[in-house]
């Protein structure tokens, strides 16, 4: 849960998407293109994580366990996003976009409102 539902998604949102946006905005197309390529693997990983969540939630008692883990790990992931994005020129805008993205992903997994 910590890795697949929180940490990797934080890295995808802040590093891949945040830095890619910043690179494009500042004329660094090479970095943006490399991050676009990395995003292809991130999308594969997201599909895998969605399948893992579906399998996990097929047994309803697992929901409470996962939600407890999310309560522990989401604040740490959010702090990591904020710390990383603070170093980007877009700062708070990049932070908000990344936090919104990770929350939306958890909602897609069936864990809305547990952040």
PDB file of N, CA and C in Angstrom:
ATOM      1  N   UNK A   1       0.833  -1.189   0.000  1.00  0.00           N
ATOM      2  CA  UNK A   1       0.000   0.000   0.000  1.00  0.00           C
ATOM      3  C   UNK A   1       0.874   1.247   0.000  1.00  0.00           C
ATOM      4  N   UNK A   2       1.852   1.288   0.895  1.00  0.00           N
ATOM      5  CA  UNK A   2       2.712   2.472   0.976  1.00  0.00           C
ATOM      6  C   UNK A   2       3.410   2.738  -0.353  1.00  0.00           C
ATOM      7  N   UNK A   3       3.881   1.702  -0.981  1.00  0.00           N
ATOM      8  CA  UNK A   3       4.619   1.868  -2.232  1.00  0.00           C
ATOM      9  C   UNK A   3       3.680   2.103  -3.418  1.00  0.00           C
ATOM     10  N   UNK A   4       2.761   1.176  -3.668  1.00  0.00           N
ATOM     11  CA  UNK A   4       1.944   1.228  -4.878  1.00  0.00           C
ATOM     12  C   UNK A   4       0.821   2.253  -4.839  1.00  0.00           C
ATOM     13  N   UNK A   5       0.230   2.477  -3.677  1.00  0.00           N
ATOM     14  CA  UNK A   5      -0.899   3.396  -3.604  1.00  0.00           C
ATOM     15  C   UNK A   5      -0.469   4.818  -3.267  1.00  0.00           C
ATOM     16  N   UNK A   6       0.722   4.982  -2.663  1.00  0.00           N
ATOM     17  CA  UNK A   6       1.125   6.314  -2.198  1.00  0.00           C
ATOM     18  C   UNK A   6       2.466   6.756  -2.808  1.00  0.00           C
ATOM     19  N   UNK A   7       3.558   6.088  -2.483  1.00  0.00           N
ATOM     20  CA  UNK A   7       4.891   6.584  -2.845  1.00  0.00           C
ATOM     21  C   UNK A   7       5.117   6.678  -4.351  1.00  0.00           C
ATOM     22  N   UNK A   8       4.815   5.618  -5.067  1.00  0.00           N
ATOM     23  CA  UNK A   8       5.029   5.649  -6.523  1.00  0.00           C
ATOM     24  C   UNK A   8       4.130   6.685  -7.173  1.00  0.00           C
ATOM     25  N   UNK A   9       2.890   6.788  -6.694  1.00  0.00           N
ATOM     26  CA  UNK A   9       1.973   7.776  -7.266  1.00  0.00           C
ATOM     27  C   UNK A   9       2.443   9.190  -6.968  1.00  0.00           C
ATOM     28  N   UNK A  10       3.042   9.413  -5.794  1.00  0.00           N
ATOM     29  CA  UNK A  10       3.593  10.727  -5.467  1.00  0.00           C
ATOM     30  C   UNK A  10       4.751  11.063  -6.415  1.00  0.00           C
ATOM     31  N   UNK A  11       5.610  10.081  -6.668  1.00  0.00           N
ATOM     32  CA  UNK A  11       6.723  10.301  -7.593  1.00  0.00           C
ATOM     33  C   UNK A  11       6.224  10.566  -9.006  1.00  0.00           C
ATOM     34  N   UNK A  12       5.214   9.809  -9.428  1.00  0.00           N
ATOM     35  CA  UNK A  12       4.638  10.042 -10.761  1.00  0.00           C
ATOM     36  C   UNK A  12       4.113  11.465 -10.883  1.00  0.00           C
ATOM     37  N   UNK A  13       3.328  11.886  -9.893  1.00  0.00           N
ATOM     38  CA  UNK A  13       2.676  13.198  -9.962  1.00  0.00           C
ATOM     39  C   UNK A  13       3.673  14.339  -9.828  1.00  0.00           C
ATOM     40  N   UNK A  14       4.558  14.248  -8.853  1.00  0.00           N
ATOM     41  CA  UNK A  14       5.474  15.360  -8.599  1.00  0.00           C
ATOM     42  C   UNK A  14       6.646  15.368  -9.565  1.00  0.00           C
ATOM     43  N   UNK A  15       7.330  14.234  -9.673  1.00  0.00           N
ATOM     44  CA  UNK A  15       8.539  14.193 -10.492  1.00  0.00           C
ATOM     45  C   UNK A  15       8.208  14.134 -11.982  1.00  0.00           C
ATOM     46  N   UNK A  16       7.496  13.108 -12.393  1.00  0.00           N
ATOM     47  CA  UNK A  16       7.255  12.945 -13.835  1.00  0.00           C
ATOM     48  C   UNK A  16       6.392  14.077 -14.380  1.00  0.00           C
ATOM     49  N   UNK A  17       5.223  14.291 -13.784  1.00  0.00           N
ATOM     50  CA  UNK A  17       4.300  15.282 -14.344  1.00  0.00           C
ATOM     51  C   UNK A  17       4.697  16.717 -13.980  1.00  0.00           C
ATOM     52  N   UNK A  18       5.097  16.931 -12.734  1.00  0.00           N
ATOM     53  CA  UNK A  18       5.484  18.280 -12.326  1.00  0.00           C
ATOM     54  C   UNK A  18       6.723  18.779 -13.045  1.00  0.00           C
ATOM     55  N   UNK A  19       7.751  17.942 -13.081  1.00  0.00           N
ATOM     56  CA  UNK A  19       8.986  18.354 -13.752  1.00  0.00           C
ATOM     57  C   UNK A  19       8.792  18.454 -15.259  1.00  0.00           C
ATOM     58  N   UNK A  20       8.003  17.567 -15.834  1.00  0.00           N
ATOM     59  CA  UNK A  20       7.734  17.636 -17.267  1.00  0.00           C
ATOM     60  C   UNK A  20       7.056  18.957 -17.631  1.00  0.00           C
ATOM     61  N   UNK A  21       6.058  19.329 -16.846  1.00  0.00           N
ATOM     62  CA  UNK A  21       5.359  20.600 -17.083  1.00  0.00           C
ATOM     63  C   UNK A  21       6.327  21.776 -16.956  1.00  0.00           C
ATOM     64  N   UNK A  22       7.148  21.749 -15.914  1.00  0.00           N
ATOM     65  CA  UNK A  22       8.113  22.823 -15.697  1.00  0.00           C
ATOM     66  C   UNK A  22       9.143  22.878 -16.830  1.00  0.00           C
ATOM     67  N   UNK A  23       9.613  21.718 -17.245  1.00  0.00           N
ATOM     68  CA  UNK A  23      10.596  21.677 -18.337  1.00  0.00           C
ATOM     69  C   UNK A  23      10.021  22.286 -19.610  1.00  0.00           C
ATOM     70  N   UNK A  24       8.804  21.913 -19.944  1.00  0.00           N
ATOM     71  CA  UNK A  24       8.163  22.472 -21.142  1.00  0.00           C
ATOM     72  C   UNK A  24       8.004  23.986 -21.017  1.00  0.00           C
ATOM     73  N   UNK A  25       7.569  24.428 -19.857  1.00  0.00           N
ATOM     74  CA  UNK A  25       7.332  25.856 -19.639  1.00  0.00           C
ATOM     75  C   UNK A  25       8.609  26.676 -19.759  1.00  0.00           C
ATOM     76  N   UNK A  26       9.748  26.022 -19.554  1.00  0.00           N
ATOM     77  CA  UNK A  26      11.018  26.742 -19.605  1.00  0.00           C
ATOM     78  C   UNK A  26      11.889  26.329 -20.791  1.00  0.00           C
ATOM     79  N   UNK A  27      11.257  25.707 -21.797  1.00  0.00           N
ATOM     80  CA  UNK A  27      11.943  25.422 -23.050  1.00  0.00           C
ATOM     81  C   UNK A  27      12.872  24.218 -23.057  1.00  0.00           C
ATOM     82  N   UNK A  28      12.784  23.367 -22.052  1.00  0.00           N
ATOM     83  CA  UNK A  28      13.649  22.181 -21.984  1.00  0.00           C
ATOM     84  C   UNK A  28      12.895  20.977 -22.549  1.00  0.00           C
ATOM     85  N   UNK A  29      12.843  20.913 -23.876  1.00  0.00           N
ATOM     86  CA  UNK A  29      12.077  19.845 -24.501  1.00  0.00           C
ATOM     87  C   UNK A  29      12.702  18.470 -24.325  1.00  0.00           C
ATOM     88  N   UNK A  30      14.013  18.388 -24.243  1.00  0.00           N
ATOM     89  CA  UNK A  30      14.651  17.084 -24.060  1.00  0.00           C
ATOM     90  C   UNK A  30      14.210  16.448 -22.739  1.00  0.00           C
ATOM     91  N   UNK A  31      14.292  17.197 -21.658  1.00  0.00           N
ATOM     92  CA  UNK A  31      13.854  16.654 -20.362  1.00  0.00           C
ATOM     93  C   UNK A  31      12.377  16.295 -20.417  1.00  0.00           C
ATOM     94  N   UNK A  32      11.556  17.157 -20.993  1.00  0.00           N
ATOM     95  CA  UNK A  32      10.123  16.887 -21.094  1.00  0.00           C
ATOM     96  C   UNK A  32       9.860  15.603 -21.883  1.00  0.00           C
ATOM     97  N   UNK A  33      10.581  15.399 -22.983  1.00  0.00           N
ATOM     98  CA  UNK A  33      10.383  14.196 -23.796  1.00  0.00           C
ATOM     99  C   UNK A  33      10.842  12.940 -23.046  1.00  0.00           C
ATOM    100  N   UNK A  34      11.940  13.038 -22.310  1.00  0.00           N
ATOM    101  CA  UNK A  34      12.391  11.876 -21.529  1.00  0.00           C
ATOM    102  C   UNK A  34      11.356  11.526 -20.455  1.00  0.00           C
ATOM    103  N   UNK A  35      10.786  12.546 -19.832  1.00  0.00           N
ATOM    104  CA  UNK A  35       9.762  12.300 -18.815  1.00  0.00           C
ATOM    105  C   UNK A  35       8.483  11.752 -19.437  1.00  0.00           C
ATOM    106  N   UNK A  36       8.152  12.189 -20.656  1.00  0.00           N
ATOM    107  CA  UNK A  36       7.000  11.607 -21.362  1.00  0.00           C
ATOM    108  C   UNK A  36       7.200  10.115 -21.556  1.00  0.00           C
ATOM    109  N   UNK A  37       8.408   9.723 -21.897  1.00  0.00           N
ATOM    110  CA  UNK A  37       8.713   8.304 -22.064  1.00  0.00           C
ATOM    111  C   UNK A  37       8.592   7.568 -20.722  1.00  0.00           C
ATOM    112  N   UNK A  38       9.102   8.163 -19.664  1.00  0.00           N
ATOM    113  CA  UNK A  38       8.985   7.562 -18.331  1.00  0.00           C
ATOM    114  C   UNK A  38       7.518   7.427 -17.921  1.00  0.00           C
ATOM    115  N   UNK A  39       6.696   8.356 -18.377  1.00  0.00           N
ATOM    116  CA  UNK A  39       5.273   8.312 -18.046  1.00  0.00           C
ATOM    117  C   UNK A  39       4.586   7.075 -18.630  1.00  0.00           C
ATOM    118  N   UNK A  40       5.102   6.559 -19.738  1.00  0.00           N
ATOM    119  CA  UNK A  40       4.526   5.330 -20.306  1.00  0.00           C
ATOM    120  C   UNK A  40       4.629   4.184 -19.302  1.00  0.00           C
ATOM    121  N   UNK A  41       5.754   4.085 -18.615  1.00  0.00           N
ATOM    122  CA  UNK A  41       5.904   3.057 -17.594  1.00  0.00           C
ATOM    123  C   UNK A  41       5.027   3.366 -16.386  1.00  0.00           C
ATOM    124  N   UNK A  42       4.895   4.640 -16.059  1.00  0.00           N
ATOM    125  CA  UNK A  42       4.034   5.021 -14.937  1.00  0.00           C
ATOM    126  C   UNK A  42       2.583   4.611 -15.205  1.00  0.00           C
ATOM    127  N   UNK A  43       2.120   4.784 -16.433  1.00  0.00           N
ATOM    128  CA  UNK A  43       0.752   4.381 -16.780  1.00  0.00           C
ATOM    129  C   UNK A  43       0.581   2.866 -16.668  1.00  0.00           C
ATOM    130  N   UNK A  44       1.598   2.106 -17.074  1.00  0.00           N
ATOM    131  CA  UNK A  44       1.546   0.650 -16.914  1.00  0.00           C
ATOM    132  C   UNK A  44       1.461   0.297 -15.436  1.00  0.00           C
ATOM    133  N   UNK A  45       2.259   0.961 -14.631  1.00  0.00           N
ATOM    134  CA  UNK A  45       2.257   0.718 -13.196  1.00  0.00           C
ATOM    135  C   UNK A  45       0.902   1.070 -12.574  1.00  0.00           C
ATOM    136  N   UNK A  46       0.293   2.135 -13.039  1.00  0.00           N
ATOM    137  CA  UNK A  46      -1.032   2.511 -12.531  1.00  0.00           C
ATOM    138  C   UNK A  46      -2.069   1.446 -12.863  1.00  0.00           C
ATOM    139  N   UNK A  47      -1.998   0.889 -14.072  1.00  0.00           N
ATOM    140  CA  UNK A  47      -2.944  -0.182 -14.436  1.00  0.00           C
ATOM    141  C   UNK A  47      -2.746  -1.388 -13.528  1.00  0.00           C
ATOM    142  N   UNK A  48      -1.509  -1.732 -13.249  1.00  0.00           N
ATOM    143  CA  UNK A  48      -1.208  -2.855 -12.370  1.00  0.00           C
ATOM    144  C   UNK A  48      -1.752  -2.580 -10.970  1.00  0.00           C
ATOM    145  N   UNK A  49      -1.549  -1.365 -10.475  1.00  0.00           N
ATOM    146  CA  UNK A  49      -2.023  -1.007  -9.137  1.00  0.00           C
ATOM    147  C   UNK A  49      -3.549  -1.033  -9.059  1.00  0.00           C
ATOM    148  N   UNK A  50      -4.212  -0.609 -10.121  1.00  0.00           N
ATOM    149  CA  UNK A  50      -5.684  -0.683 -10.139  1.00  0.00           C
ATOM    150  C   UNK A  50      -6.145  -2.134 -10.053  1.00  0.00           C
ATOM    151  N   UNK A  51      -5.466  -3.023 -10.742  1.00  0.00           N
ATOM    152  CA  UNK A  51      -5.814  -4.449 -10.665  1.00  0.00           C
ATOM    153  C   UNK A  51      -5.543  -4.994  -9.262  1.00  0.00           C
ATOM    154  N   UNK A  52      -4.445  -4.577  -8.655  1.00  0.00           N
ATOM    155  CA  UNK A  52      -4.137  -4.990  -7.287  1.00  0.00           C
ATOM    156  C   UNK A  52      -5.220  -4.511  -6.326  1.00  0.00           C
ATOM    157  N   UNK A  53      -5.648  -3.265  -6.469  1.00  0.00           N
ATOM    158  CA  UNK A  53      -6.693  -2.726  -5.596  1.00  0.00           C
ATOM    159  C   UNK A  53      -8.004  -3.487  -5.782  1.00  0.00           C
ATOM    160  N   UNK A  54      -8.360  -3.766  -7.019  1.00  0.00           N
ATOM    161  CA  UNK A  54      -9.596  -4.513  -7.274  1.00  0.00           C
ATOM    162  C   UNK A  54      -9.531  -5.894  -6.637  1.00  0.00           C
ATOM    163  N   UNK A  55      -8.405  -6.557  -6.784  1.00  0.00           N
ATOM    164  CA  UNK A  55      -8.235  -7.881  -6.182  1.00  0.00           C
ATOM    165  C   UNK A  55      -8.318  -7.792  -4.655  1.00  0.00           C
ATOM    166  N   UNK A  56      -7.663  -6.790  -4.096  1.00  0.00           N
ATOM    167  CA  UNK A  56      -7.660  -6.612  -2.646  1.00  0.00           C
ATOM    168  C   UNK A  56      -9.057  -6.333  -2.116  1.00  0.00           C
ATOM    169  N   UNK A  57      -9.795  -5.480  -2.805  1.00  0.00           N
ATOM    170  CA  UNK A  57     -11.131  -5.097  -2.336  1.00  0.00           C
ATOM    171  C   UNK A  57     -12.194  -6.146  -2.630  1.00  0.00           C
ATOM    172  N   UNK A  58     -11.833  -7.168  -3.377  1.00  0.00           N
ATOM    173  CA  UNK A  58     -12.781  -8.255  -3.613  1.00  0.00           C
ATOM    174  C   UNK A  58     -13.125  -8.954  -2.296  1.00  0.00           C
ATOM    175  N   UNK A  59     -12.262  -8.840  -1.323  1.00  0.00           N
ATOM    176  CA  UNK A  59     -12.486  -9.376   0.028  1.00  0.00           C
ATOM    177  C   UNK A  59     -12.707  -8.161   0.935  1.00  0.00           C
ATOM    178  N   UNK A  60     -13.953  -7.814   1.189  1.00  0.00           N
ATOM    179  CA  UNK A  60     -14.327  -6.560   1.854  1.00  0.00           C
ATOM    180  C   UNK A  60     -13.569  -6.264   3.154  1.00  0.00           C
ATOM    181  N   UNK A  61     -13.258  -7.249   3.991  1.00  0.00           N
ATOM    182  CA  UNK A  61     -12.500  -6.908   5.214  1.00  0.00           C
ATOM    183  C   UNK A  61     -11.143  -6.259   4.934  1.00  0.00           C
ATOM    184  N   UNK A  62     -10.620  -6.444   3.736  1.00  0.00           N
ATOM    185  CA  UNK A  62      -9.342  -5.811   3.397  1.00  0.00           C
ATOM    186  C   UNK A  62      -9.447  -4.292   3.332  1.00  0.00           C
ATOM    187  N   UNK A  63     -10.645  -3.775   3.050  1.00  0.00           N
ATOM    188  CA  UNK A  63     -10.815  -2.324   2.906  1.00  0.00           C
ATOM    189  C   UNK A  63     -10.341  -1.585   4.156  1.00  0.00           C
ATOM    190  N   UNK A  64     -10.772  -2.027   5.327  1.00  0.00           N
ATOM    191  CA  UNK A  64     -10.405  -1.341   6.575  1.00  0.00           C
ATOM    192  C   UNK A  64      -8.892  -1.362   6.795  1.00  0.00           C
ATOM    193  N   UNK A  65      -8.272  -2.470   6.453  1.00  0.00           N
ATOM    194  CA  UNK A  65      -6.819  -2.579   6.621  1.00  0.00           C
ATOM    195  C   UNK A  65      -6.113  -1.587   5.703  1.00  0.00           C
ATOM    196  N   UNK A  66      -6.519  -1.552   4.437  1.00  0.00           N
ATOM    197  CA  UNK A  66      -5.891  -0.645   3.477  1.00  0.00           C
ATOM    198  C   UNK A  66      -6.143   0.806   3.884  1.00  0.00           C
ATOM    199  N   UNK A  67      -7.356   1.113   4.324  1.00  0.00           N
ATOM    200  CA  UNK A  67      -7.663   2.484   4.738  1.00  0.00           C
ATOM    201  C   UNK A  67      -6.809   2.904   5.939  1.00  0.00           C
ATOM    202  N   UNK A  68      -6.557   1.988   6.858  1.00  0.00           N
ATOM    203  CA  UNK A  68      -5.663   2.296   7.984  1.00  0.00           C
ATOM    204  C   UNK A  68      -4.256   2.612   7.479  1.00  0.00           C
ATOM    205  N   UNK A  69      -3.766   1.830   6.534  1.00  0.00           N
ATOM    206  CA  UNK A  69      -2.437   2.090   5.972  1.00  0.00           C
ATOM    207  C   UNK A  69      -2.405   3.434   5.244  1.00  0.00           C
ATOM    208  N   UNK A  70      -3.474   3.726   4.503  1.00  0.00           N
ATOM    209  CA  UNK A  70      -3.532   5.007   3.803  1.00  0.00           C
ATOM    210  C   UNK A  70      -3.502   6.172   4.787  1.00  0.00           C
ATOM    211  N   UNK A  71      -4.200   6.034   5.908  1.00  0.00           N
ATOM    212  CA  UNK A  71      -4.179   7.099   6.918  1.00  0.00           C
ATOM    213  C   UNK A  71      -2.756   7.362   7.415  1.00  0.00           C
ATOM    214  N   UNK A  72      -1.959   6.321   7.465  1.00  0.00           N
ATOM    215  CA  UNK A  72      -0.568   6.468   7.908  1.00  0.00           C
ATOM    216  C   UNK A  72       0.318   7.052   6.805  1.00  0.00           C
ATOM    217  N   UNK A  73       0.184   6.552   5.581  1.00  0.00           N
ATOM    218  CA  UNK A  73       1.144   6.867   4.533  1.00  0.00           C
ATOM    219  C   UNK A  73       0.800   8.066   3.660  1.00  0.00           C
ATOM    220  N   UNK A  74      -0.478   8.374   3.470  1.00  0.00           N
ATOM    221  CA  UNK A  74      -0.839   9.499   2.600  1.00  0.00           C
ATOM    222  C   UNK A  74      -0.255  10.818   3.102  1.00  0.00           C
ATOM    223  N   UNK A  75      -0.326  11.131   4.395  1.00  0.00           N
ATOM    224  CA  UNK A  75       0.288  12.395   4.832  1.00  0.00           C
ATOM    225  C   UNK A  75       1.791  12.473   4.539  1.00  0.00           C
ATOM    226  N   UNK A  76       2.476  11.350   4.645  1.00  0.00           N
ATOM    227  CA  UNK A  76       3.911  11.341   4.333  1.00  0.00           C
ATOM    228  C   UNK A  76       4.145  11.553   2.839  1.00  0.00           C
ATOM    229  N   UNK A  77       3.332  10.911   2.004  1.00  0.00           N
ATOM    230  CA  UNK A  77       3.435  11.116   0.561  1.00  0.00           C
ATOM    231  C   UNK A  77       3.140  12.556   0.184  1.00  0.00           C
ATOM    232  N   UNK A  78       2.119  13.143   0.830  1.00  0.00           N
ATOM    233  CA  UNK A  78       1.771  14.536   0.551  1.00  0.00           C
ATOM    234  C   UNK A  78       2.912  15.484   0.955  1.00  0.00           C
ATOM    235  N   UNK A  79       3.561  15.200   2.077  1.00  0.00           N
ATOM    236  CA  UNK A  79       4.704  16.021   2.498  1.00  0.00           C
ATOM    237  C   UNK A  79       5.847  15.906   1.493  1.00  0.00           C
ATOM    238  N   UNK A  80       6.073  14.707   0.982  1.00  0.00           N
ATOM    239  CA  UNK A  80       7.137  14.518  -0.008  1.00  0.00           C
ATOM    240  C   UNK A  80       6.824  15.299  -1.282  1.00  0.00           C
ATOM    241  N   UNK A  81       5.578  15.262  -1.703  1.00  0.00           N
ATOM    242  CA  UNK A  81       5.168  16.032  -2.888  1.00  0.00           C
ATOM    243  C   UNK A  81       5.428  17.514  -2.660  1.00  0.00           C
ATOM    244  N   UNK A  82       4.983  18.026  -1.522  1.00  0.00           N
ATOM    245  CA  UNK A  82       5.147  19.457  -1.233  1.00  0.00           C
ATOM    246  C   UNK A  82       6.628  19.841  -1.189  1.00  0.00           C
ATOM    247  N   UNK A  83       7.444  18.995  -0.578  1.00  0.00           N
ATOM    248  CA  UNK A  83       8.875  19.291  -0.484  1.00  0.00           C
ATOM    249  C   UNK A  83       9.526  19.309  -1.869  1.00  0.00           C
ATOM    250  N   UNK A  84       9.200  18.328  -2.701  1.00  0.00           N
ATOM    251  CA  UNK A  84       9.788  18.277  -4.043  1.00  0.00           C
ATOM    252  C   UNK A  84       9.297  19.451  -4.893  1.00  0.00           C
ATOM    253  N   UNK A  85       7.993  19.667  -4.905  1.00  0.00           N
ATOM    254  CA  UNK A  85       7.427  20.703  -5.770  1.00  0.00           C
ATOM    255  C   UNK A  85       7.841  22.107  -5.350  1.00  0.00           C
ATOM    256  N   UNK A  86       8.207  22.280  -4.099  1.00  0.00           N
ATOM    257  CA  UNK A  86       8.681  23.589  -3.646  1.00  0.00           C
ATOM    258  C   UNK A  86       9.933  24.017  -4.410  1.00  0.00           C
ATOM    259  N   UNK A  87      10.682  23.053  -4.917  1.00  0.00           N
ATOM    260  CA  UNK A  87      11.887  23.355  -5.679  1.00  0.00           C
ATOM    261  C   UNK A  87      11.634  23.631  -7.146  1.00  0.00           C
ATOM    262  N   UNK A  88      10.409  23.431  -7.600  1.00  0.00           N
ATOM    263  CA  UNK A  88      10.075  23.719  -8.999  1.00  0.00           C
ATOM    264  C   UNK A  88       9.665  25.181  -9.129  1.00  0.00           C
ATOM    265  N   UNK A  89       9.916  25.785 -10.279  1.00  0.00           N
ATOM    266  CA  UNK A  89       9.526  27.190 -10.454  1.00  0.00           C
ATOM    267  C   UNK A  89       8.027  27.430 -10.243  1.00  0.00           C
ATOM    268  N   UNK A  90       7.211  26.424 -10.528  1.00  0.00           N
ATOM    269  CA  UNK A  90       5.758  26.582 -10.383  1.00  0.00           C
ATOM    270  C   UNK A  90       5.283  26.392  -8.944  1.00  0.00           C
ATOM    271  N   UNK A  91       6.155  25.925  -8.063  1.00  0.00           N
ATOM    272  CA  UNK A  91       5.912  25.821  -6.633  1.00  0.00           C
ATOM    273  C   UNK A  91       4.546  25.340  -6.208  1.00  0.00           C
ATOM    274  N   UNK A  92       3.736  26.237  -5.652  1.00  0.00           N
ATOM    275  CA  UNK A  92       2.448  25.843  -5.089  1.00  0.00           C
ATOM    276  C   UNK A  92       1.479  25.320  -6.140  1.00  0.00           C
ATOM    277  N   UNK A  93       1.567  25.819  -7.370  1.00  0.00           N
ATOM    278  CA  UNK A  93       0.703  25.287  -8.434  1.00  0.00           C
ATOM    279  C   UNK A  93       1.059  23.831  -8.730  1.00  0.00           C
ATOM    280  N   UNK A  94       2.342  23.529  -8.758  1.00  0.00           N
ATOM    281  CA  UNK A  94       2.790  22.155  -8.999  1.00  0.00           C
ATOM    282  C   UNK A  94       2.379  21.256  -7.835  1.00  0.00           C
ATOM    283  N   UNK A  95       2.487  21.777  -6.626  1.00  0.00           N
ATOM    284  CA  UNK A  95       2.080  21.002  -5.449  1.00  0.00           C
ATOM    285  C   UNK A  95       0.605  20.670  -5.520  1.00  0.00           C
ATOM    286  N   UNK A  96      -0.223  21.672  -5.782  1.00  0.00           N
ATOM    287  CA  UNK A  96      -1.669  21.441  -5.849  1.00  0.00           C
ATOM    288  C   UNK A  96      -2.016  20.435  -6.937  1.00  0.00           C
ATOM    289  N   UNK A  97      -1.406  20.569  -8.095  1.00  0.00           N
ATOM    290  CA  UNK A  97      -1.695  19.641  -9.201  1.00  0.00           C
ATOM    291  C   UNK A  97      -1.313  18.214  -8.820  1.00  0.00           C
ATOM    292  N   UNK A  98      -0.164  18.046  -8.198  1.00  0.00           N
ATOM    293  CA  UNK A  98       0.285  16.700  -7.813  1.00  0.00           C
ATOM    294  C   UNK A  98      -0.592  16.113  -6.711  1.00  0.00           C
ATOM    295  N   UNK A  99      -0.949  16.921  -5.729  1.00  0.00           N
ATOM    296  CA  UNK A  99      -1.830  16.430  -4.658  1.00  0.00           C
ATOM    297  C   UNK A  99      -3.200  16.052  -5.205  1.00  0.00           C
ATOM    298  N   UNK A 100      -3.722  16.874  -6.103  1.00  0.00           N
ATOM    299  CA  UNK A 100      -5.018  16.558  -6.725  1.00  0.00           C
ATOM    300  C   UNK A 100      -4.940  15.265  -7.528  1.00  0.00           C
ATOM    301  N   UNK A 101      -3.836  15.092  -8.247  1.00  0.00           N
ATOM    302  CA  UNK A 101      -3.655  13.889  -9.070  1.00  0.00           C
ATOM    303  C   UNK A 101      -3.608  12.626  -8.206  1.00  0.00           C
ATOM    304  N   UNK A 102      -2.857  12.674  -7.118  1.00  0.00           N
ATOM    305  CA  UNK A 102      -2.750  11.479  -6.274  1.00  0.00           C
ATOM    306  C   UNK A 102      -4.062  11.178  -5.574  1.00  0.00           C
ATOM    307  N   UNK A 103      -4.783  12.211  -5.143  1.00  0.00           N
ATOM    308  CA  UNK A 103      -6.094  11.995  -4.511  1.00  0.00           C
ATOM    309  C   UNK A 103      -7.080  11.397  -5.518  1.00  0.00           C
ATOM    310  N   UNK A 104      -7.042  11.886  -6.745  1.00  0.00           N
ATOM    311  CA  UNK A 104      -7.931  11.351  -7.781  1.00  0.00           C
ATOM    312  C   UNK A 104      -7.605   9.891  -8.075  1.00  0.00           C
ATOM    313  N   UNK A 105      -6.325   9.557  -8.069  1.00  0.00           N
ATOM    314  CA  UNK A 105      -5.948   8.163  -8.316  1.00  0.00           C
ATOM    315  C   UNK A 105      -6.472   7.256  -7.210  1.00  0.00           C
ATOM    316  N   UNK A 106      -6.320   7.684  -5.956  1.00  0.00           N
ATOM    317  CA  UNK A 106      -6.851   6.873  -4.849  1.00  0.00           C
ATOM    318  C   UNK A 106      -8.361   6.746  -4.945  1.00  0.00           C
ATOM    319  N   UNK A 107      -9.018   7.801  -5.398  1.00  0.00           N
ATOM    320  CA  UNK A 107     -10.478   7.742  -5.587  1.00  0.00           C
ATOM    321  C   UNK A 107     -10.833   6.708  -6.655  1.00  0.00           C
ATOM    322  N   UNK A 108     -10.049   6.657  -7.725  1.00  0.00           N
ATOM    323  CA  UNK A 108     -10.264   5.643  -8.758  1.00  0.00           C
ATOM    324  C   UNK A 108     -10.112   4.224  -8.199  1.00  0.00           C
ATOM    325  N   UNK A 109      -9.241   4.089  -7.211  1.00  0.00           N
ATOM    326  CA  UNK A 109      -9.028   2.778  -6.592  1.00  0.00           C
ATOM    327  C   UNK A 109     -10.171   2.408  -5.644  1.00  0.00           C
ATOM    328  N   UNK A 110     -10.997   3.401  -5.293  1.00  0.00           N
ATOM    329  CA  UNK A 110     -12.099   3.152  -4.376  1.00  0.00           C
ATOM    330  C   UNK A 110     -11.844   3.650  -2.969  1.00  0.00           C
ATOM    331  N   UNK A 111     -10.880   4.565  -2.821  1.00  0.00           N
ATOM    332  CA  UNK A 111     -10.523   5.081  -1.493  1.00  0.00           C
ATOM    333  C   UNK A 111     -10.682   6.590  -1.411  1.00  0.00           C
ATOM    334  N   UNK A 112     -11.766   7.125  -1.927  1.00  0.00           N
ATOM    335  CA  UNK A 112     -12.000   8.556  -1.871  1.00  0.00           C
ATOM    336  C   UNK A 112     -12.236   8.993  -0.441  1.00  0.00           C
ATOM    337  N   UNK A 113     -11.703  10.154  -0.131  1.00  0.00           N
ATOM    338  CA  UNK A 113     -11.974  10.751   1.161  1.00  0.00           C
ATOM    339  C   UNK A 113     -11.134  10.227   2.304  1.00  0.00           C
ATOM    340  N   UNK A 114     -10.171   9.375   2.050  1.00  0.00           N
ATOM    341  CA  UNK A 114      -9.343   8.846   3.131  1.00  0.00           C
ATOM    342  C   UNK A 114      -7.973   9.493   3.125  1.00  0.00           C
ATOM    343  N   UNK A 115      -7.892  10.787   2.726  1.00  0.00           N
ATOM    344  CA  UNK A 115      -6.581  11.424   2.760  1.00  0.00           C
ATOM    345  C   UNK A 115      -6.529  12.491   3.806  1.00  0.00           C
TER     346      UNK A 115
END
